[in-house]
N, C-alpha and C. Protein backbone atom coordinates (compact mmCIF):
# COMPACT_ATOMS: atom_id res chain seq x y z
N MET A 1 -3.35 16.87 -7.58
CA MET A 1 -3.07 15.48 -7.84
C MET A 1 -2.57 14.83 -6.56
N SER A 2 -2.91 13.62 -6.39
CA SER A 2 -2.42 12.91 -5.22
C SER A 2 -1.18 12.11 -5.60
N SER A 3 -0.40 11.81 -4.61
CA SER A 3 0.80 11.02 -4.87
C SER A 3 0.87 9.89 -3.87
N THR A 4 1.66 8.93 -4.22
CA THR A 4 1.90 7.82 -3.33
C THR A 4 3.39 7.74 -3.12
N ARG A 5 3.83 7.87 -1.89
CA ARG A 5 5.23 7.68 -1.60
C ARG A 5 5.38 6.23 -1.18
N VAL A 6 6.09 5.49 -1.98
CA VAL A 6 6.20 4.05 -1.78
C VAL A 6 7.53 3.75 -1.12
N THR A 7 7.48 2.97 -0.07
CA THR A 7 8.71 2.46 0.52
C THR A 7 8.68 0.97 0.33
N MET A 8 9.75 0.45 -0.20
CA MET A 8 9.80 -0.97 -0.50
C MET A 8 10.57 -1.67 0.61
N GLY A 9 10.57 -2.98 0.58
CA GLY A 9 11.37 -3.75 1.52
C GLY A 9 10.54 -4.34 2.62
N CYS A 10 11.21 -4.61 3.73
CA CYS A 10 10.58 -5.33 4.82
C CYS A 10 9.41 -4.58 5.43
N ALA A 11 9.47 -3.26 5.50
CA ALA A 11 8.42 -2.50 6.16
C ALA A 11 7.07 -2.66 5.48
N VAL A 12 7.06 -2.82 4.15
CA VAL A 12 5.78 -2.94 3.45
C VAL A 12 5.47 -4.36 3.03
N THR A 13 6.32 -5.29 3.31
CA THR A 13 6.06 -6.67 2.95
C THR A 13 5.42 -7.35 4.14
N ALA A 14 4.20 -6.94 4.42
CA ALA A 14 3.53 -7.37 5.63
C ALA A 14 3.33 -8.87 5.71
N PHE A 15 3.26 -9.53 4.57
CA PHE A 15 2.99 -10.97 4.60
C PHE A 15 4.21 -11.79 5.02
N LEU A 16 5.38 -11.19 5.05
CA LEU A 16 6.57 -11.91 5.50
C LEU A 16 6.71 -11.76 7.01
N SER A 17 7.14 -12.80 7.63
CA SER A 17 7.41 -12.70 9.06
C SER A 17 8.69 -11.92 9.28
N ALA A 18 8.89 -11.41 10.46
CA ALA A 18 10.08 -10.63 10.76
C ALA A 18 11.34 -11.47 10.55
N ALA A 19 11.30 -12.73 10.92
CA ALA A 19 12.47 -13.60 10.76
C ALA A 19 12.77 -13.82 9.28
N ALA A 20 11.75 -14.09 8.48
CA ALA A 20 11.97 -14.32 7.05
C ALA A 20 12.48 -13.06 6.38
N CYS A 21 11.96 -11.91 6.79
CA CYS A 21 12.37 -10.65 6.21
C CYS A 21 13.84 -10.36 6.56
N ALA A 22 14.23 -10.61 7.79
CA ALA A 22 15.61 -10.37 8.20
C ALA A 22 16.56 -11.29 7.44
N PHE A 23 16.11 -12.54 7.21
CA PHE A 23 16.92 -13.51 6.46
C PHE A 23 17.06 -13.09 5.01
N ALA A 24 15.99 -12.55 4.41
CA ALA A 24 15.99 -12.20 2.99
C ALA A 24 16.65 -10.86 2.71
N ALA A 25 16.75 -9.99 3.70
CA ALA A 25 17.24 -8.63 3.47
C ALA A 25 18.61 -8.57 2.80
N PRO A 26 19.61 -9.35 3.22
CA PRO A 26 20.90 -9.24 2.53
C PRO A 26 20.82 -9.61 1.05
N ALA A 27 19.98 -10.54 0.69
CA ALA A 27 19.86 -10.96 -0.71
C ALA A 27 19.16 -9.90 -1.55
N LEU A 28 18.34 -9.05 -0.93
CA LEU A 28 17.57 -8.06 -1.66
C LEU A 28 18.24 -6.68 -1.68
N ALA A 29 19.40 -6.55 -1.10
CA ALA A 29 20.05 -5.25 -0.99
C ALA A 29 20.32 -4.67 -2.37
N ASP A 30 20.07 -3.34 -2.51
CA ASP A 30 20.45 -2.65 -3.72
C ASP A 30 21.26 -1.41 -3.36
N PRO A 31 21.86 -0.74 -4.36
CA PRO A 31 22.78 0.35 -4.07
C PRO A 31 22.16 1.49 -3.27
N VAL A 32 20.88 1.79 -3.47
CA VAL A 32 20.20 2.84 -2.72
C VAL A 32 19.21 2.18 -1.79
N PRO A 33 19.35 2.39 -0.48
CA PRO A 33 18.38 1.79 0.44
C PRO A 33 16.97 2.19 0.05
N SER A 34 16.05 1.24 0.02
CA SER A 34 14.71 1.48 -0.48
C SER A 34 13.96 2.54 0.32
N TYR A 35 14.25 2.71 1.59
CA TYR A 35 13.56 3.72 2.38
C TYR A 35 13.97 5.13 1.97
N ASP A 36 15.03 5.27 1.17
CA ASP A 36 15.47 6.57 0.69
C ASP A 36 14.86 6.95 -0.65
N VAL A 37 14.10 6.05 -1.28
CA VAL A 37 13.52 6.32 -2.59
C VAL A 37 12.08 6.78 -2.43
N TRP A 38 11.76 7.91 -3.07
CA TRP A 38 10.38 8.40 -3.14
C TRP A 38 9.87 8.08 -4.53
N ASP A 39 8.70 7.49 -4.60
CA ASP A 39 8.12 7.02 -5.85
C ASP A 39 6.77 7.70 -6.04
N TYR A 40 6.56 8.36 -7.18
CA TYR A 40 5.31 9.05 -7.49
C TYR A 40 4.76 8.48 -8.79
N TYR A 41 3.45 8.40 -8.90
CA TYR A 41 2.82 7.98 -10.15
C TYR A 41 1.95 9.12 -10.64
N LEU A 42 2.19 9.60 -11.84
CA LEU A 42 1.43 10.71 -12.41
C LEU A 42 0.56 10.23 -13.55
N ALA A 43 -0.54 10.95 -13.76
CA ALA A 43 -1.43 10.74 -14.90
C ALA A 43 -2.21 9.45 -14.80
N MET A 44 -2.55 9.07 -13.63
CA MET A 44 -3.33 7.85 -13.44
C MET A 44 -4.79 8.23 -13.33
N PRO A 45 -5.74 7.67 -13.98
CA PRO A 45 -5.53 6.69 -15.04
C PRO A 45 -5.35 7.40 -16.38
N CYS A 46 -4.61 6.81 -17.24
CA CYS A 46 -4.38 7.37 -18.58
C CYS A 46 -4.25 6.20 -19.54
N HIS A 47 -5.38 5.65 -19.89
CA HIS A 47 -5.41 4.45 -20.71
C HIS A 47 -5.96 4.75 -22.10
N GLY A 48 -5.51 3.97 -23.07
CA GLY A 48 -6.01 4.07 -24.43
C GLY A 48 -5.97 2.71 -25.08
N PHE A 49 -6.41 2.67 -26.32
CA PHE A 49 -6.41 1.41 -27.06
C PHE A 49 -5.00 1.04 -27.49
N SER A 50 -4.70 -0.23 -27.46
CA SER A 50 -3.46 -0.74 -28.03
C SER A 50 -3.54 -0.61 -29.54
N PRO A 51 -2.42 -0.33 -30.22
CA PRO A 51 -2.47 -0.30 -31.68
C PRO A 51 -2.68 -1.68 -32.28
N ASN A 52 -2.64 -2.73 -31.45
CA ASN A 52 -2.93 -4.08 -31.92
C ASN A 52 -4.41 -4.41 -31.79
N LEU A 53 -5.18 -3.48 -31.27
CA LEU A 53 -6.63 -3.55 -31.10
C LEU A 53 -7.07 -4.63 -30.12
N LEU A 54 -6.75 -5.90 -30.36
CA LEU A 54 -7.08 -6.97 -29.42
C LEU A 54 -5.84 -7.25 -28.59
N ASP A 55 -5.65 -6.47 -27.55
CA ASP A 55 -4.42 -6.53 -26.76
C ASP A 55 -4.71 -5.86 -25.42
N LEU A 56 -3.73 -5.84 -24.57
CA LEU A 56 -3.85 -5.12 -23.31
C LEU A 56 -3.94 -3.62 -23.61
N PRO A 57 -4.66 -2.84 -22.81
CA PRO A 57 -4.76 -1.41 -23.10
C PRO A 57 -3.42 -0.70 -22.88
N TYR A 58 -3.22 0.37 -23.63
CA TYR A 58 -2.05 1.22 -23.46
C TYR A 58 -2.22 2.01 -22.17
N ASN A 59 -1.14 2.15 -21.40
CA ASN A 59 -1.15 2.96 -20.18
C ASN A 59 -0.06 3.99 -20.32
N GLY A 60 -0.42 5.26 -20.45
CA GLY A 60 0.54 6.33 -20.66
C GLY A 60 1.01 7.03 -19.41
N GLY A 61 0.64 6.51 -18.25
CA GLY A 61 1.10 7.13 -17.01
C GLY A 61 2.61 7.03 -16.87
N ILE A 62 3.18 7.88 -16.03
CA ILE A 62 4.62 7.91 -15.85
C ILE A 62 4.95 7.91 -14.36
N ARG A 63 5.99 7.15 -14.01
CA ARG A 63 6.47 7.13 -12.63
C ARG A 63 7.67 8.05 -12.52
N LEU A 64 7.75 8.73 -11.40
CA LEU A 64 8.90 9.56 -11.06
C LEU A 64 9.52 8.99 -9.82
N GLN A 65 10.83 8.88 -9.80
CA GLN A 65 11.52 8.45 -8.58
C GLN A 65 12.59 9.46 -8.25
N THR A 66 12.70 9.80 -6.98
CA THR A 66 13.79 10.63 -6.48
C THR A 66 14.37 9.94 -5.26
N VAL A 67 15.57 10.33 -4.92
CA VAL A 67 16.22 9.81 -3.73
C VAL A 67 16.15 10.90 -2.67
N ARG A 68 15.84 10.53 -1.46
CA ARG A 68 15.65 11.49 -0.37
C ARG A 68 16.82 12.46 -0.25
N THR A 69 18.02 11.99 -0.47
CA THR A 69 19.20 12.84 -0.32
C THR A 69 19.42 13.76 -1.53
N ALA A 70 18.70 13.56 -2.64
CA ALA A 70 18.79 14.41 -3.83
C ALA A 70 17.42 14.52 -4.49
N PRO A 71 16.45 15.16 -3.80
CA PRO A 71 15.07 15.13 -4.29
C PRO A 71 14.83 15.86 -5.61
N GLY A 72 15.75 16.69 -6.08
CA GLY A 72 15.57 17.38 -7.34
C GLY A 72 16.12 16.63 -8.54
N ILE A 73 16.72 15.47 -8.32
CA ILE A 73 17.22 14.62 -9.41
C ILE A 73 16.20 13.50 -9.60
N VAL A 74 15.60 13.45 -10.78
CA VAL A 74 14.44 12.58 -11.02
C VAL A 74 14.77 11.52 -12.07
N THR A 75 14.21 10.33 -11.87
CA THR A 75 14.20 9.29 -12.88
C THR A 75 12.77 9.17 -13.40
N PHE A 76 12.60 9.26 -14.72
CA PHE A 76 11.30 9.05 -15.35
C PHE A 76 11.25 7.60 -15.82
N MET A 77 10.11 6.93 -15.63
CA MET A 77 9.98 5.56 -16.12
C MET A 77 8.53 5.21 -16.40
N SER A 78 8.36 4.26 -17.31
CA SER A 78 7.03 3.77 -17.64
C SER A 78 7.16 2.39 -18.24
N ASP A 79 6.14 1.59 -18.10
CA ASP A 79 6.14 0.25 -18.68
C ASP A 79 4.71 -0.23 -18.85
N SER A 80 4.20 -0.14 -20.06
CA SER A 80 2.88 -0.62 -20.41
C SER A 80 3.06 -1.94 -21.16
N LYS A 81 2.40 -2.97 -20.74
CA LYS A 81 2.60 -4.31 -21.31
C LYS A 81 1.74 -4.55 -22.55
N SER A 82 2.17 -5.53 -23.37
CA SER A 82 1.45 -5.93 -24.57
C SER A 82 1.63 -7.42 -24.81
N ILE A 83 0.58 -8.07 -25.25
CA ILE A 83 0.66 -9.49 -25.59
C ILE A 83 1.41 -9.67 -26.91
N PHE A 84 1.10 -8.83 -27.90
CA PHE A 84 1.64 -9.00 -29.24
C PHE A 84 2.85 -8.10 -29.52
N GLY A 85 3.09 -7.13 -28.69
CA GLY A 85 4.22 -6.23 -28.84
C GLY A 85 3.93 -5.07 -29.79
N TYR A 86 4.44 -3.91 -29.45
CA TYR A 86 4.37 -2.74 -30.32
C TYR A 86 5.38 -1.70 -29.83
N THR A 87 5.50 -0.62 -30.59
CA THR A 87 6.47 0.43 -30.31
C THR A 87 5.74 1.75 -30.04
N THR A 88 6.28 2.55 -29.16
CA THR A 88 5.74 3.88 -28.88
C THR A 88 6.82 4.93 -29.09
N ASP A 89 6.46 5.99 -29.79
CA ASP A 89 7.27 7.20 -29.89
C ASP A 89 6.60 8.23 -29.00
N ALA A 90 7.31 8.67 -27.98
CA ALA A 90 6.71 9.59 -27.01
C ALA A 90 7.61 10.80 -26.78
N VAL A 91 7.02 11.85 -26.25
CA VAL A 91 7.75 13.02 -25.80
C VAL A 91 7.30 13.32 -24.38
N ILE A 92 8.28 13.41 -23.49
CA ILE A 92 8.01 13.75 -22.09
C ILE A 92 8.39 15.21 -21.91
N ASP A 93 7.41 16.04 -21.62
CA ASP A 93 7.65 17.46 -21.35
C ASP A 93 7.51 17.68 -19.85
N TRP A 94 8.51 18.34 -19.25
CA TRP A 94 8.44 18.62 -17.82
C TRP A 94 8.75 20.09 -17.58
N HIS A 95 8.12 20.63 -16.53
CA HIS A 95 8.31 22.03 -16.16
C HIS A 95 8.20 22.15 -14.65
N ASN A 96 9.26 22.67 -14.04
CA ASN A 96 9.22 22.94 -12.61
C ASN A 96 8.57 24.31 -12.44
N LEU A 97 7.39 24.35 -11.86
CA LEU A 97 6.61 25.58 -11.74
C LEU A 97 7.20 26.55 -10.72
N ASP A 98 8.10 26.07 -9.85
CA ASP A 98 8.68 26.94 -8.84
C ASP A 98 10.02 27.54 -9.25
N ASN A 99 10.85 26.80 -9.98
CA ASN A 99 12.16 27.34 -10.33
C ASN A 99 12.31 27.64 -11.83
N GLY A 100 11.30 27.32 -12.64
CA GLY A 100 11.32 27.64 -14.06
C GLY A 100 12.07 26.67 -14.95
N ARG A 101 12.75 25.68 -14.39
CA ARG A 101 13.45 24.71 -15.22
C ARG A 101 12.44 23.90 -16.03
N SER A 102 12.83 23.53 -17.25
CA SER A 102 11.93 22.72 -18.07
C SER A 102 12.76 21.92 -19.07
N GLY A 103 12.13 20.96 -19.67
CA GLY A 103 12.79 20.14 -20.66
C GLY A 103 11.81 19.31 -21.45
N SER A 104 12.29 18.77 -22.54
CA SER A 104 11.50 17.91 -23.40
C SER A 104 12.39 16.74 -23.79
N ILE A 105 11.91 15.53 -23.55
CA ILE A 105 12.71 14.33 -23.78
C ILE A 105 11.97 13.39 -24.73
N PRO A 106 12.50 13.20 -25.95
CA PRO A 106 11.89 12.20 -26.84
C PRO A 106 12.37 10.80 -26.46
N VAL A 107 11.48 9.85 -26.56
CA VAL A 107 11.85 8.47 -26.23
C VAL A 107 11.05 7.52 -27.13
N THR A 108 11.71 6.47 -27.60
CA THR A 108 11.06 5.39 -28.33
C THR A 108 11.27 4.12 -27.52
N TYR A 109 10.20 3.38 -27.30
CA TYR A 109 10.32 2.18 -26.48
C TYR A 109 9.36 1.09 -26.94
N GLN A 110 9.67 -0.13 -26.50
CA GLN A 110 8.91 -1.32 -26.86
C GLN A 110 7.95 -1.71 -25.74
N HIS A 111 6.87 -2.34 -26.11
CA HIS A 111 5.92 -2.93 -25.17
C HIS A 111 5.94 -4.44 -25.39
N ALA A 112 6.06 -5.20 -24.32
CA ALA A 112 6.09 -6.66 -24.40
C ALA A 112 5.59 -7.22 -23.08
N LEU A 113 5.35 -8.52 -23.03
CA LEU A 113 5.00 -9.16 -21.76
C LEU A 113 6.24 -9.49 -20.96
N THR A 114 7.30 -9.86 -21.66
CA THR A 114 8.56 -10.21 -20.99
C THR A 114 9.71 -9.53 -21.72
N GLY A 115 10.87 -9.58 -21.15
CA GLY A 115 12.04 -8.99 -21.78
C GLY A 115 12.02 -7.48 -21.71
N PRO A 116 12.84 -6.83 -22.52
CA PRO A 116 12.91 -5.37 -22.48
C PRO A 116 11.57 -4.74 -22.85
N SER A 117 11.09 -3.89 -21.98
CA SER A 117 9.81 -3.24 -22.18
C SER A 117 9.81 -1.93 -21.40
N GLY A 118 9.26 -0.89 -21.98
CA GLY A 118 9.17 0.39 -21.29
C GLY A 118 10.46 1.18 -21.39
N PHE A 119 10.59 2.20 -20.51
CA PHE A 119 11.78 3.03 -20.52
C PHE A 119 12.14 3.47 -19.11
N VAL A 120 13.40 3.82 -18.94
CA VAL A 120 13.92 4.41 -17.71
C VAL A 120 14.87 5.52 -18.14
N ILE A 121 14.60 6.75 -17.69
CA ILE A 121 15.45 7.90 -18.01
C ILE A 121 15.92 8.49 -16.69
N PRO A 122 17.15 8.17 -16.26
CA PRO A 122 17.64 8.64 -14.96
C PRO A 122 18.34 10.00 -15.05
N GLY A 123 18.48 10.63 -13.89
CA GLY A 123 19.34 11.79 -13.73
C GLY A 123 18.83 13.10 -14.29
N ILE A 124 17.53 13.31 -14.35
CA ILE A 124 16.98 14.57 -14.86
C ILE A 124 16.98 15.57 -13.69
N ASP A 125 17.70 16.66 -13.85
CA ASP A 125 17.84 17.66 -12.78
C ASP A 125 16.72 18.70 -12.88
N THR A 126 15.57 18.37 -12.30
CA THR A 126 14.42 19.26 -12.32
C THR A 126 14.46 20.28 -11.19
N GLY A 127 15.23 19.98 -10.15
CA GLY A 127 15.19 20.79 -8.94
C GLY A 127 13.95 20.45 -8.13
N THR A 128 13.91 20.92 -6.90
CA THR A 128 12.75 20.66 -6.06
C THR A 128 11.65 21.67 -6.37
N GLY A 129 10.44 21.31 -6.00
CA GLY A 129 9.29 22.19 -6.22
C GLY A 129 8.19 21.44 -6.92
N ARG A 130 7.22 22.21 -7.42
CA ARG A 130 6.08 21.63 -8.12
C ARG A 130 6.49 21.28 -9.55
N LEU A 131 6.41 19.99 -9.88
CA LEU A 131 6.83 19.51 -11.19
C LEU A 131 5.61 19.07 -11.99
N ARG A 132 5.43 19.68 -13.15
CA ARG A 132 4.34 19.32 -14.07
C ARG A 132 4.96 18.50 -15.19
N VAL A 133 4.38 17.33 -15.46
CA VAL A 133 4.89 16.41 -16.49
C VAL A 133 3.73 16.02 -17.40
N SER A 134 3.99 16.03 -18.72
CA SER A 134 2.99 15.53 -19.66
C SER A 134 3.68 14.60 -20.65
N VAL A 135 2.94 13.62 -21.10
CA VAL A 135 3.44 12.62 -22.05
C VAL A 135 2.50 12.59 -23.24
N THR A 136 3.05 12.84 -24.42
CA THR A 136 2.30 12.67 -25.66
C THR A 136 2.96 11.53 -26.42
N ALA A 137 2.16 10.73 -27.10
CA ALA A 137 2.73 9.54 -27.73
C ALA A 137 1.93 9.10 -28.94
N VAL A 138 2.62 8.36 -29.80
CA VAL A 138 2.01 7.67 -30.94
C VAL A 138 2.43 6.21 -30.82
N ASN A 139 1.46 5.31 -30.89
CA ASN A 139 1.72 3.87 -30.78
C ASN A 139 1.68 3.23 -32.16
N HIS A 140 2.69 2.37 -32.44
CA HIS A 140 2.81 1.71 -33.74
C HIS A 140 2.73 0.20 -33.55
N GLY A 141 1.70 -0.41 -34.10
CA GLY A 141 1.52 -1.86 -34.06
C GLY A 141 0.79 -2.27 -35.31
N PHE A 142 -0.29 -3.04 -35.17
CA PHE A 142 -1.13 -3.40 -36.31
C PHE A 142 -1.65 -2.13 -36.98
N ALA A 143 -1.99 -1.13 -36.16
CA ALA A 143 -2.41 0.19 -36.63
C ALA A 143 -1.51 1.22 -35.97
N THR A 144 -1.56 2.45 -36.44
CA THR A 144 -0.86 3.56 -35.79
C THR A 144 -1.91 4.44 -35.13
N LEU A 145 -1.79 4.61 -33.81
CA LEU A 145 -2.79 5.35 -33.05
C LEU A 145 -2.13 6.42 -32.17
N ASP A 146 -2.70 7.62 -32.20
CA ASP A 146 -2.29 8.62 -31.22
C ASP A 146 -2.77 8.15 -29.85
N ALA A 147 -1.89 8.23 -28.88
CA ALA A 147 -2.26 7.86 -27.51
C ALA A 147 -2.84 9.08 -26.81
N PRO A 148 -3.61 8.87 -25.74
CA PRO A 148 -4.10 10.03 -25.00
C PRO A 148 -2.92 10.81 -24.41
N THR A 149 -3.03 12.15 -24.39
CA THR A 149 -2.01 12.96 -23.72
C THR A 149 -2.25 12.86 -22.22
N CYS A 150 -1.22 12.50 -21.51
CA CYS A 150 -1.33 12.30 -20.07
C CYS A 150 -0.51 13.36 -19.37
N SER A 151 -1.02 13.87 -18.26
CA SER A 151 -0.24 14.86 -17.52
C SER A 151 -0.60 14.81 -16.04
N GLY A 152 0.28 15.35 -15.25
CA GLY A 152 0.07 15.40 -13.81
C GLY A 152 1.08 16.33 -13.17
N GLU A 153 0.87 16.61 -11.91
CA GLU A 153 1.74 17.50 -11.17
C GLU A 153 2.06 16.89 -9.81
N GLU A 154 3.31 17.04 -9.39
CA GLU A 154 3.74 16.52 -8.09
C GLU A 154 4.74 17.49 -7.49
N THR A 155 4.75 17.58 -6.18
CA THR A 155 5.72 18.41 -5.47
C THR A 155 6.85 17.52 -4.97
N LEU A 156 8.06 17.84 -5.41
CA LEU A 156 9.24 17.08 -5.01
C LEU A 156 9.91 17.75 -3.84
């Protein structure tokens, strides 16, 4: 599987001039400097039908974020949008293939265009190494549909 290590901020905001970026930087500051965050996207593409049928497609992919200074502590997150809104019951199974750690995390979350949507699960201590993650889900809207099982592997 391929990964994308994303660095946010001035370095990747090529359309901003250096002066505008320097001016905006204090307003955009967050607790963890963005250059210290590693961002991975697993299970891309992993799309299915929305349970509302005439809606945006379901996307079961999952993002993993770690901080450079603690690469074995992972945040799991996902956010698939919906015009009409629906609920997903999912299970995130993870297994570190190098150190043997594993876990299973049930999560229920909403899909919407605005407001609270998706999930964020911080502080999962997977340890470093090859991490295999799979997401199984059932979507509840106009109809109830099993979502495609999505999985991927990344080295932290």
